[in-house]
Amino acid sequence: MKLSRIAGLAVAVSLVAGAVAALAQISGAAPADQVANVVDAAGHLRVPADYRTLYQALGSWAIAADSGEGSKQMHAVYASPGAIDAYRKTGHFPDGAVLVKEVFATSTNEMTTGTVSHADKLKGWFVMVRDSKGTHPGNPLWGDGWGWSWFDADKPLKTTSNDYHSDCQGCHMPAKATDWIYVNGYPVLRH
């Protein structure tokens, strides 16, 4: 009898934990440990070590070569768990959502399908964390609803960005109307 009570208690605890996780997913809130894996108390960002396994593929971009055929860069973008579902429901990324963009130099070769460019050498990452509440005032890498940072491939824990206005935002100006994110390039955000 005692064993069945313990088993029943274990099942109840598991159900409560599952319900809490489900409610976090439904509300679109980012789990606290997810954000803690990327941002410290002072607002310094880092590349999350586990993003390729835990995050969802948001989409990819090919940057055309300046001349000739092929691409000069490939960008692969990942979104933290729950961010895509929350965006589909509300049309906005929720606070705490993390976007990680890998930037690769490419190699271009002829294949049976034609001229093909593929990701080759990792150049670095661009990391953004959604923050509509302005939780890091005075930090020059936070503003306009996001934390922004570039990381060179050999330094995933130390940004080279000093100020998001001059180092990051310029590339995102055409996407200002969509919360600074080029959502039109991510079909997964559409229903």
N, C-alpha and C. Protein backbone atom coordinates (compact mmCIF):
# COMPACT_ATOMS: atom_id res chain seq x y z
N MET A 1 0.82 -1.19 0.00
CA MET A 1 0.00 0.00 0.00
C MET A 1 0.87 1.26 0.00
N LYS A 2 1.93 1.22 0.82
CA LYS A 2 2.83 2.37 0.90
C LYS A 2 3.48 2.65 -0.46
N LEU A 3 3.86 1.59 -1.17
CA LEU A 3 4.49 1.73 -2.48
C LEU A 3 3.55 2.39 -3.48
N SER A 4 2.26 2.06 -3.44
CA SER A 4 1.31 2.66 -4.38
C SER A 4 1.10 4.14 -4.07
N ARG A 5 1.17 4.54 -2.78
CA ARG A 5 1.06 5.97 -2.44
C ARG A 5 2.26 6.74 -2.98
N ILE A 6 3.45 6.16 -2.85
CA ILE A 6 4.67 6.81 -3.36
C ILE A 6 4.60 6.93 -4.87
N ALA A 7 4.15 5.87 -5.52
CA ALA A 7 4.02 5.91 -6.98
C ALA A 7 2.99 6.95 -7.39
N GLY A 8 1.89 7.02 -6.67
CA GLY A 8 0.86 8.01 -6.96
C GLY A 8 1.37 9.43 -6.78
N LEU A 9 2.15 9.65 -5.73
CA LEU A 9 2.74 10.96 -5.48
C LEU A 9 3.72 11.33 -6.60
N ALA A 10 4.52 10.37 -7.03
CA ALA A 10 5.47 10.63 -8.12
C ALA A 10 4.75 11.00 -9.41
N VAL A 11 3.64 10.31 -9.69
CA VAL A 11 2.86 10.62 -10.89
C VAL A 11 2.26 12.02 -10.77
N ALA A 12 1.76 12.37 -9.60
CA ALA A 12 1.16 13.70 -9.40
C ALA A 12 2.20 14.80 -9.59
N VAL A 13 3.39 14.61 -9.03
CA VAL A 13 4.46 15.60 -9.17
C VAL A 13 4.84 15.74 -10.64
N SER A 14 4.93 14.63 -11.35
CA SER A 14 5.26 14.67 -12.78
C SER A 14 4.19 15.43 -13.57
N LEU A 15 2.93 15.19 -13.25
CA LEU A 15 1.85 15.88 -13.95
C LEU A 15 1.88 17.38 -13.69
N VAL A 16 2.15 17.78 -12.45
CA VAL A 16 2.22 19.21 -12.13
C VAL A 16 3.38 19.85 -12.88
N ALA A 17 4.55 19.21 -12.89
CA ALA A 17 5.71 19.75 -13.61
C ALA A 17 5.40 19.87 -15.10
N GLY A 18 4.75 18.87 -15.66
CA GLY A 18 4.37 18.93 -17.07
C GLY A 18 3.39 20.05 -17.36
N ALA A 19 2.44 20.25 -16.46
CA ALA A 19 1.46 21.32 -16.63
C ALA A 19 2.13 22.69 -16.59
N VAL A 20 3.08 22.86 -15.66
CA VAL A 20 3.80 24.14 -15.57
C VAL A 20 4.58 24.40 -16.85
N ALA A 21 5.25 23.39 -17.37
CA ALA A 21 6.01 23.54 -18.63
C ALA A 21 5.06 23.86 -19.79
N ALA A 22 3.92 23.20 -19.83
CA ALA A 22 2.96 23.44 -20.90
C ALA A 22 2.40 24.87 -20.82
N LEU A 23 2.11 25.34 -19.62
CA LEU A 23 1.62 26.70 -19.47
C LEU A 23 2.66 27.72 -19.92
N ALA A 24 3.91 27.47 -19.64
CA ALA A 24 4.98 28.38 -20.10
C ALA A 24 5.03 28.41 -21.61
N GLN A 25 4.86 27.24 -22.24
CA GLN A 25 4.85 27.19 -23.71
C GLN A 25 3.65 27.93 -24.28
N ILE A 26 2.49 27.73 -23.68
CA ILE A 26 1.27 28.36 -24.18
C ILE A 26 1.34 29.87 -24.01
N SER A 27 1.87 30.33 -22.88
CA SER A 27 1.93 31.77 -22.64
C SER A 27 2.99 32.45 -23.48
N GLY A 28 3.91 31.65 -24.04
CA GLY A 28 4.97 32.23 -24.85
C GLY A 28 6.13 32.74 -24.02
N ALA A 29 6.11 32.52 -22.73
CA ALA A 29 7.20 32.96 -21.88
C ALA A 29 8.41 32.06 -22.07
N ALA A 30 9.58 32.66 -22.07
CA ALA A 30 10.80 31.88 -22.19
C ALA A 30 11.18 31.34 -20.82
N PRO A 31 11.55 30.06 -20.73
CA PRO A 31 11.99 29.53 -19.44
C PRO A 31 13.18 30.32 -18.92
N ALA A 32 13.21 30.55 -17.61
CA ALA A 32 14.25 31.37 -17.00
C ALA A 32 15.65 30.83 -17.27
N ASP A 33 15.83 29.50 -17.22
CA ASP A 33 17.16 28.94 -17.45
C ASP A 33 17.60 29.13 -18.90
N GLN A 34 16.67 29.24 -19.81
CA GLN A 34 16.99 29.47 -21.22
C GLN A 34 17.65 30.84 -21.38
N VAL A 35 17.09 31.86 -20.75
CA VAL A 35 17.65 33.20 -20.83
C VAL A 35 18.95 33.27 -20.03
N ALA A 36 19.01 32.62 -18.88
CA ALA A 36 20.22 32.62 -18.06
C ALA A 36 21.39 31.98 -18.79
N ASN A 37 21.11 31.11 -19.71
CA ASN A 37 22.15 30.45 -20.51
C ASN A 37 22.77 31.42 -21.52
N VAL A 38 22.16 32.59 -21.71
CA VAL A 38 22.59 33.54 -22.73
C VAL A 38 22.97 34.90 -22.15
N VAL A 39 22.33 35.32 -21.07
CA VAL A 39 22.50 36.67 -20.51
C VAL A 39 22.87 36.57 -19.03
N ASP A 40 23.90 37.34 -18.62
CA ASP A 40 24.20 37.38 -17.19
C ASP A 40 23.47 38.56 -16.55
N ALA A 41 23.62 38.74 -15.26
CA ALA A 41 22.88 39.77 -14.52
C ALA A 41 23.15 41.18 -15.03
N ALA A 42 24.34 41.42 -15.57
CA ALA A 42 24.70 42.75 -16.07
C ALA A 42 24.26 42.97 -17.51
N GLY A 43 23.70 41.93 -18.14
CA GLY A 43 23.23 42.05 -19.51
C GLY A 43 24.26 41.68 -20.56
N HIS A 44 25.35 41.06 -20.14
CA HIS A 44 26.34 40.58 -21.11
C HIS A 44 25.81 39.31 -21.76
N LEU A 45 25.82 39.29 -23.08
CA LEU A 45 25.32 38.13 -23.81
C LEU A 45 26.46 37.18 -24.14
N ARG A 46 26.09 35.94 -24.45
CA ARG A 46 27.04 34.93 -24.93
C ARG A 46 26.27 33.99 -25.85
N VAL A 47 27.00 33.25 -26.65
CA VAL A 47 26.39 32.28 -27.53
C VAL A 47 26.01 31.05 -26.69
N PRO A 48 24.74 30.65 -26.70
CA PRO A 48 24.37 29.46 -25.92
C PRO A 48 25.05 28.21 -26.48
N ALA A 49 25.71 27.46 -25.63
CA ALA A 49 26.49 26.30 -26.07
C ALA A 49 25.63 25.22 -26.71
N ASP A 50 24.39 25.13 -26.35
CA ASP A 50 23.54 24.01 -26.77
C ASP A 50 22.47 24.40 -27.79
N TYR A 51 22.63 25.53 -28.47
CA TYR A 51 21.55 26.01 -29.33
C TYR A 51 21.25 25.06 -30.50
N ARG A 52 22.25 24.38 -31.03
CA ARG A 52 21.99 23.50 -32.18
C ARG A 52 21.14 22.28 -31.80
N THR A 53 21.17 21.90 -30.56
CA THR A 53 20.37 20.74 -30.13
C THR A 53 19.02 21.14 -29.56
N LEU A 54 18.97 22.27 -28.84
CA LEU A 54 17.75 22.64 -28.15
C LEU A 54 16.87 23.63 -28.91
N TYR A 55 17.44 24.44 -29.76
CA TYR A 55 16.69 25.47 -30.47
C TYR A 55 16.06 24.91 -31.74
N GLN A 56 15.11 25.67 -32.28
CA GLN A 56 14.44 25.29 -33.53
C GLN A 56 15.06 26.08 -34.69
N ALA A 57 15.17 25.43 -35.83
CA ALA A 57 15.66 26.13 -37.01
C ALA A 57 14.61 27.14 -37.45
N LEU A 58 15.00 28.41 -37.53
CA LEU A 58 14.09 29.46 -37.94
C LEU A 58 14.15 29.65 -39.45
N GLY A 59 15.34 29.58 -40.01
CA GLY A 59 15.48 29.72 -41.45
C GLY A 59 16.93 29.99 -41.82
N SER A 60 17.17 30.15 -43.12
CA SER A 60 18.53 30.40 -43.57
C SER A 60 18.52 31.39 -44.73
N TRP A 61 19.67 32.01 -44.93
CA TRP A 61 19.84 33.03 -45.95
C TRP A 61 21.11 32.74 -46.73
N ALA A 62 21.09 33.05 -47.99
CA ALA A 62 22.29 33.00 -48.82
C ALA A 62 22.59 34.43 -49.24
N ILE A 63 23.80 34.86 -49.03
CA ILE A 63 24.23 36.20 -49.42
C ILE A 63 25.00 36.05 -50.73
N ALA A 64 24.49 36.65 -51.79
CA ALA A 64 25.07 36.50 -53.12
C ALA A 64 26.51 36.99 -53.17
N ALA A 65 27.31 36.33 -53.99
CA ALA A 65 28.69 36.75 -54.22
C ALA A 65 28.69 38.12 -54.86
N ASP A 66 29.73 38.89 -54.58
CA ASP A 66 29.83 40.24 -55.17
C ASP A 66 29.95 40.18 -56.69
N SER A 67 30.60 39.13 -57.19
CA SER A 67 30.68 38.91 -58.63
C SER A 67 30.77 37.41 -58.88
N GLY A 68 30.36 36.99 -60.04
CA GLY A 68 30.38 35.56 -60.36
C GLY A 68 29.19 34.84 -59.77
N GLU A 69 29.26 33.52 -59.83
CA GLU A 69 28.16 32.70 -59.34
C GLU A 69 28.36 32.32 -57.88
N GLY A 70 27.28 31.91 -57.28
CA GLY A 70 27.34 31.39 -55.92
C GLY A 70 27.08 32.44 -54.85
N SER A 71 27.33 32.03 -53.63
CA SER A 71 27.10 32.88 -52.47
C SER A 71 28.41 33.13 -51.74
N LYS A 72 28.52 34.31 -51.11
CA LYS A 72 29.72 34.59 -50.33
C LYS A 72 29.53 34.22 -48.86
N GLN A 73 28.27 34.19 -48.41
CA GLN A 73 27.97 33.82 -47.03
C GLN A 73 26.68 33.02 -46.97
N MET A 74 26.58 32.19 -45.93
CA MET A 74 25.34 31.50 -45.59
C MET A 74 25.04 31.85 -44.14
N HIS A 75 23.79 32.16 -43.86
CA HIS A 75 23.34 32.45 -42.50
C HIS A 75 22.30 31.42 -42.11
N ALA A 76 22.51 30.74 -41.01
CA ALA A 76 21.53 29.79 -40.47
C ALA A 76 21.05 30.36 -39.14
N VAL A 77 19.73 30.50 -38.99
CA VAL A 77 19.16 31.17 -37.82
C VAL A 77 18.33 30.18 -37.01
N TYR A 78 18.54 30.24 -35.69
CA TYR A 78 17.85 29.36 -34.75
C TYR A 78 17.07 30.21 -33.75
N ALA A 79 15.92 29.69 -33.29
CA ALA A 79 15.09 30.37 -32.29
C ALA A 79 14.96 29.47 -31.06
N SER A 80 14.99 30.09 -29.89
CA SER A 80 14.88 29.34 -28.65
C SER A 80 13.54 28.61 -28.57
N PRO A 81 13.48 27.54 -27.78
CA PRO A 81 12.25 26.74 -27.68
C PRO A 81 11.03 27.60 -27.34
N GLY A 82 9.96 27.40 -28.08
CA GLY A 82 8.70 28.10 -27.85
C GLY A 82 8.58 29.42 -28.57
N ALA A 83 9.69 29.99 -29.06
CA ALA A 83 9.64 31.32 -29.70
C ALA A 83 8.83 31.30 -30.99
N ILE A 84 8.96 30.25 -31.77
CA ILE A 84 8.24 30.19 -33.04
C ILE A 84 6.74 30.05 -32.80
N ASP A 85 6.35 29.16 -31.89
CA ASP A 85 4.92 29.00 -31.58
C ASP A 85 4.33 30.28 -31.03
N ALA A 86 5.06 30.96 -30.15
CA ALA A 86 4.57 32.23 -29.59
C ALA A 86 4.41 33.27 -30.69
N TYR A 87 5.36 33.33 -31.61
CA TYR A 87 5.26 34.29 -32.70
C TYR A 87 4.04 34.01 -33.57
N ARG A 88 3.79 32.74 -33.85
CA ARG A 88 2.62 32.39 -34.66
C ARG A 88 1.32 32.82 -34.00
N LYS A 89 1.28 32.78 -32.66
CA LYS A 89 0.05 33.13 -31.94
C LYS A 89 -0.13 34.63 -31.82
N THR A 90 0.97 35.39 -31.63
CA THR A 90 0.84 36.81 -31.31
C THR A 90 1.39 37.75 -32.39
N GLY A 91 2.20 37.23 -33.30
CA GLY A 91 2.84 38.09 -34.28
C GLY A 91 4.06 38.81 -33.76
N HIS A 92 4.52 38.41 -32.56
CA HIS A 92 5.72 39.02 -31.95
C HIS A 92 6.50 37.94 -31.21
N PHE A 93 7.80 38.14 -31.12
CA PHE A 93 8.60 37.25 -30.29
C PHE A 93 8.41 37.65 -28.84
N PRO A 94 8.26 36.67 -27.93
CA PRO A 94 8.02 37.00 -26.52
C PRO A 94 9.32 37.43 -25.83
N ASP A 95 9.19 38.16 -24.74
CA ASP A 95 10.35 38.52 -23.95
C ASP A 95 11.12 37.27 -23.57
N GLY A 96 12.42 37.34 -23.68
CA GLY A 96 13.29 36.21 -23.38
C GLY A 96 13.58 35.32 -24.57
N ALA A 97 12.86 35.51 -25.68
CA ALA A 97 13.15 34.71 -26.88
C ALA A 97 14.57 35.03 -27.34
N VAL A 98 15.30 34.00 -27.72
CA VAL A 98 16.68 34.15 -28.16
C VAL A 98 16.77 33.73 -29.62
N LEU A 99 17.42 34.56 -30.44
CA LEU A 99 17.70 34.23 -31.83
C LEU A 99 19.21 34.15 -31.99
N VAL A 100 19.67 33.08 -32.61
CA VAL A 100 21.11 32.89 -32.85
C VAL A 100 21.29 32.72 -34.36
N LYS A 101 22.10 33.60 -34.95
CA LYS A 101 22.41 33.51 -36.38
C LYS A 101 23.86 33.08 -36.53
N GLU A 102 24.07 31.94 -37.18
CA GLU A 102 25.41 31.50 -37.54
C GLU A 102 25.77 32.13 -38.88
N VAL A 103 26.97 32.66 -39.00
CA VAL A 103 27.42 33.26 -40.26
C VAL A 103 28.62 32.45 -40.75
N PHE A 104 28.47 31.89 -41.94
CA PHE A 104 29.51 31.05 -42.53
C PHE A 104 30.05 31.67 -43.81
N ALA A 105 31.35 31.56 -44.03
CA ALA A 105 31.91 31.76 -45.36
C ALA A 105 31.49 30.53 -46.16
N THR A 106 31.48 30.63 -47.47
CA THR A 106 31.00 29.51 -48.27
C THR A 106 32.07 28.95 -49.18
N SER A 107 31.75 27.81 -49.69
CA SER A 107 32.52 27.18 -50.75
C SER A 107 31.52 26.93 -51.88
N THR A 108 31.90 27.26 -53.10
CA THR A 108 31.01 27.10 -54.24
C THR A 108 31.64 26.13 -55.23
N ASN A 109 30.86 25.13 -55.64
CA ASN A 109 31.34 24.09 -56.55
C ASN A 109 30.25 23.74 -57.56
N GLU A 110 30.67 23.09 -58.62
CA GLU A 110 29.71 22.55 -59.58
C GLU A 110 29.29 21.17 -59.09
N MET A 111 27.99 20.95 -59.13
CA MET A 111 27.44 19.64 -58.77
C MET A 111 26.48 19.25 -59.89
N THR A 112 25.93 18.06 -59.80
CA THR A 112 25.01 17.60 -60.84
C THR A 112 23.77 18.48 -60.96
N THR A 113 23.42 19.16 -59.86
CA THR A 113 22.25 20.04 -59.87
C THR A 113 22.58 21.45 -60.35
N GLY A 114 23.86 21.74 -60.53
CA GLY A 114 24.28 23.07 -60.97
C GLY A 114 25.32 23.64 -60.02
N THR A 115 25.50 24.93 -60.06
CA THR A 115 26.45 25.60 -59.17
C THR A 115 25.84 25.67 -57.78
N VAL A 116 26.58 25.16 -56.79
CA VAL A 116 26.06 25.05 -55.43
C VAL A 116 27.05 25.68 -54.46
N SER A 117 26.51 26.52 -53.56
CA SER A 117 27.30 27.06 -52.46
C SER A 117 26.86 26.37 -51.19
N HIS A 118 27.81 26.07 -50.32
CA HIS A 118 27.46 25.46 -49.03
C HIS A 118 28.27 26.13 -47.93
N ALA A 119 27.75 26.04 -46.71
CA ALA A 119 28.44 26.61 -45.56
C ALA A 119 29.79 25.93 -45.42
N ASP A 120 30.81 26.74 -45.15
CA ASP A 120 32.16 26.21 -45.03
C ASP A 120 32.75 26.58 -43.67
N LYS A 121 33.40 27.70 -43.57
CA LYS A 121 34.08 28.11 -42.34
C LYS A 121 33.20 29.07 -41.54
N LEU A 122 32.98 28.74 -40.27
CA LEU A 122 32.19 29.60 -39.39
C LEU A 122 32.94 30.91 -39.15
N LYS A 123 32.26 32.03 -39.43
CA LYS A 123 32.85 33.35 -39.18
C LYS A 123 32.45 33.87 -37.80
N GLY A 124 31.25 33.53 -37.35
CA GLY A 124 30.79 33.99 -36.05
C GLY A 124 29.30 33.88 -35.89
N TRP A 125 28.79 34.49 -34.82
CA TRP A 125 27.37 34.44 -34.48
C TRP A 125 26.86 35.83 -34.18
N PHE A 126 25.58 36.02 -34.48
CA PHE A 126 24.88 37.21 -34.04
C PHE A 126 23.76 36.71 -33.13
N VAL A 127 23.70 37.25 -31.91
CA VAL A 127 22.72 36.81 -30.92
C VAL A 127 21.83 38.00 -30.54
N MET A 128 20.52 37.74 -30.51
CA MET A 128 19.55 38.74 -30.06
C MET A 128 18.65 38.11 -29.00
N VAL A 129 18.30 38.90 -27.98
CA VAL A 129 17.40 38.46 -26.92
C VAL A 129 16.27 39.49 -26.83
N ARG A 130 15.04 39.04 -26.94
CA ARG A 130 13.87 39.94 -26.89
C ARG A 130 13.70 40.49 -25.49
N ASP A 131 13.52 41.82 -25.42
CA ASP A 131 13.42 42.50 -24.13
C ASP A 131 12.58 43.76 -24.28
N SER A 132 11.26 43.62 -24.27
CA SER A 132 10.39 44.78 -24.45
C SER A 132 10.30 45.64 -23.19
N LYS A 133 10.80 45.13 -22.08
CA LYS A 133 10.67 45.85 -20.81
C LYS A 133 11.88 46.71 -20.47
N GLY A 134 12.93 46.65 -21.27
CA GLY A 134 14.12 47.45 -21.00
C GLY A 134 14.81 47.06 -19.70
N THR A 135 15.10 45.77 -19.54
CA THR A 135 15.66 45.28 -18.27
C THR A 135 17.13 45.61 -18.05
N HIS A 136 17.81 46.14 -19.05
CA HIS A 136 19.22 46.50 -18.89
C HIS A 136 19.47 47.94 -19.32
N PRO A 137 18.82 48.91 -18.63
CA PRO A 137 19.01 50.31 -19.01
C PRO A 137 20.47 50.72 -18.80
N GLY A 138 20.95 51.52 -19.70
CA GLY A 138 22.33 51.98 -19.60
C GLY A 138 23.34 51.05 -20.25
N ASN A 139 22.93 49.81 -20.56
CA ASN A 139 23.83 48.89 -21.24
C ASN A 139 23.73 49.21 -22.74
N PRO A 140 24.84 49.58 -23.39
CA PRO A 140 24.79 50.01 -24.79
C PRO A 140 24.48 48.90 -25.79
N LEU A 141 24.34 47.67 -25.32
CA LEU A 141 23.99 46.57 -26.22
C LEU A 141 22.52 46.18 -26.11
N TRP A 142 21.76 46.96 -25.34
CA TRP A 142 20.34 46.69 -25.16
C TRP A 142 19.53 47.93 -25.51
N GLY A 143 18.49 47.72 -26.30
CA GLY A 143 17.58 48.81 -26.62
C GLY A 143 16.69 48.47 -27.80
N ASP A 144 15.68 49.26 -27.99
CA ASP A 144 14.70 49.03 -29.05
C ASP A 144 14.11 47.63 -28.98
N GLY A 145 13.95 47.13 -27.74
CA GLY A 145 13.29 45.85 -27.53
C GLY A 145 14.16 44.61 -27.64
N TRP A 146 15.47 44.79 -27.76
CA TRP A 146 16.35 43.64 -27.91
C TRP A 146 17.69 43.86 -27.23
N GLY A 147 18.35 42.73 -26.91
CA GLY A 147 19.77 42.72 -26.61
C GLY A 147 20.45 42.28 -27.89
N TRP A 148 21.58 42.89 -28.27
CA TRP A 148 22.21 42.66 -29.57
C TRP A 148 23.70 42.40 -29.37
N SER A 149 24.27 41.40 -29.99
CA SER A 149 25.72 41.18 -29.92
C SER A 149 26.24 40.29 -31.04
N TRP A 150 27.42 40.66 -31.55
CA TRP A 150 28.17 39.84 -32.51
C TRP A 150 29.30 39.15 -31.77
N PHE A 151 29.57 37.88 -32.15
CA PHE A 151 30.65 37.09 -31.55
C PHE A 151 31.49 36.48 -32.66
N ASP A 152 32.80 36.70 -32.62
CA ASP A 152 33.69 36.05 -33.57
C ASP A 152 33.73 34.55 -33.29
N ALA A 153 34.01 33.76 -34.32
CA ALA A 153 33.96 32.30 -34.22
C ALA A 153 34.84 31.73 -33.11
N ASP A 154 35.94 32.39 -32.79
CA ASP A 154 36.82 31.86 -31.76
C ASP A 154 36.52 32.40 -30.36
N LYS A 155 35.46 33.23 -30.23
CA LYS A 155 35.14 33.83 -28.93
C LYS A 155 33.63 33.84 -28.66
N PRO A 156 33.01 32.69 -28.45
CA PRO A 156 31.55 32.66 -28.25
C PRO A 156 31.08 33.26 -26.92
N LEU A 157 32.00 33.56 -26.02
CA LEU A 157 31.62 34.10 -24.73
C LEU A 157 31.91 35.60 -24.61
N LYS A 158 32.54 36.19 -25.61
CA LYS A 158 32.94 37.61 -25.54
C LYS A 158 32.55 38.33 -26.82
N THR A 159 31.62 39.24 -26.70
CA THR A 159 31.16 39.99 -27.87
C THR A 159 32.22 40.99 -28.33
N THR A 160 32.20 41.28 -29.61
CA THR A 160 33.04 42.35 -30.14
C THR A 160 32.21 43.62 -30.32
N SER A 161 30.92 43.54 -30.08
CA SER A 161 30.03 44.69 -30.21
C SER A 161 30.22 45.63 -29.01
N ASN A 162 30.16 46.93 -29.27
CA ASN A 162 30.27 47.92 -28.20
C ASN A 162 28.99 48.69 -27.98
N ASP A 163 28.24 48.92 -29.08
CA ASP A 163 27.01 49.69 -29.01
C ASP A 163 26.10 49.19 -30.12
N TYR A 164 24.91 48.77 -29.77
CA TYR A 164 24.02 48.18 -30.78
C TYR A 164 23.63 49.18 -31.86
N HIS A 165 23.58 50.46 -31.53
CA HIS A 165 23.23 51.45 -32.56
C HIS A 165 24.24 51.45 -33.70
N SER A 166 25.52 51.45 -33.38
CA SER A 166 26.55 51.54 -34.42
C SER A 166 27.01 50.18 -34.92
N ASP A 167 26.95 49.15 -34.09
CA ASP A 167 27.50 47.85 -34.47
C ASP A 167 26.49 46.85 -35.01
N CYS A 168 25.23 47.03 -34.72
CA CYS A 168 24.24 45.99 -35.05
C CYS A 168 23.02 46.51 -35.80
N GLN A 169 22.47 47.60 -35.34
CA GLN A 169 21.16 48.02 -35.81
C GLN A 169 21.13 48.45 -37.27
N GLY A 170 22.25 48.93 -37.80
CA GLY A 170 22.28 49.38 -39.18
C GLY A 170 21.81 48.31 -40.16
N CYS A 171 22.21 47.08 -39.94
CA CYS A 171 21.80 45.98 -40.82
C CYS A 171 20.31 45.66 -40.68
N HIS A 172 19.71 46.06 -39.57
CA HIS A 172 18.31 45.72 -39.31
C HIS A 172 17.34 46.86 -39.61
N MET A 173 17.84 48.00 -40.06
CA MET A 173 16.96 49.15 -40.33
C MET A 173 15.81 48.82 -41.28
N PRO A 174 16.03 48.06 -42.36
CA PRO A 174 14.89 47.74 -43.23
C PRO A 174 13.80 46.90 -42.54
N ALA A 175 14.13 46.28 -41.41
CA ALA A 175 13.17 45.43 -40.70
C ALA A 175 12.62 46.11 -39.45
N LYS A 176 12.78 47.41 -39.34
CA LYS A 176 12.31 48.13 -38.14
C LYS A 176 10.81 47.92 -37.90
N ALA A 177 10.02 47.91 -38.95
CA ALA A 177 8.56 47.77 -38.82
C ALA A 177 8.14 46.40 -38.30
N THR A 178 9.03 45.41 -38.38
CA THR A 178 8.71 44.06 -37.88
C THR A 178 9.60 43.72 -36.69
N ASP A 179 9.70 44.68 -35.77
CA ASP A 179 10.48 44.51 -34.54
C ASP A 179 11.95 44.17 -34.82
N TRP A 180 12.49 44.73 -35.90
CA TRP A 180 13.91 44.62 -36.24
C TRP A 180 14.30 43.25 -36.78
N ILE A 181 13.34 42.37 -37.02
CA ILE A 181 13.63 41.01 -37.50
C ILE A 181 13.05 40.85 -38.90
N TYR A 182 13.83 40.26 -39.80
CA TYR A 182 13.38 40.02 -41.18
C TYR A 182 12.45 38.81 -41.23
N VAL A 183 11.27 38.96 -40.67
CA VAL A 183 10.34 37.84 -40.56
C VAL A 183 9.90 37.30 -41.91
N ASN A 184 9.95 38.13 -42.96
CA ASN A 184 9.53 37.66 -44.28
C ASN A 184 10.44 36.55 -44.80
N GLY A 185 11.63 36.40 -44.27
CA GLY A 185 12.56 35.36 -44.71
C GLY A 185 12.43 34.06 -43.94
N TYR A 186 11.44 33.98 -43.05
CA TYR A 186 11.29 32.78 -42.22
C TYR A 186 9.90 32.17 -42.42
N PRO A 187 9.73 31.31 -43.42
CA PRO A 187 8.41 30.72 -43.69
C PRO A 187 7.82 29.98 -42.49
N VAL A 188 8.66 29.48 -41.60
CA VAL A 188 8.16 28.73 -40.45
C VAL A 188 7.31 29.60 -39.52
N LEU A 189 7.42 30.93 -39.62
CA LEU A 189 6.62 31.82 -38.78
C LEU A 189 5.19 31.96 -39.30
N ARG A 190 4.97 31.56 -40.54
CA ARG A 190 3.63 31.64 -41.11
C ARG A 190 2.83 30.41 -40.71
N HIS A 191 1.55 30.58 -40.60
CA HIS A 191 0.68 29.45 -40.20
C HIS A 191 0.59 28.43 -41.29
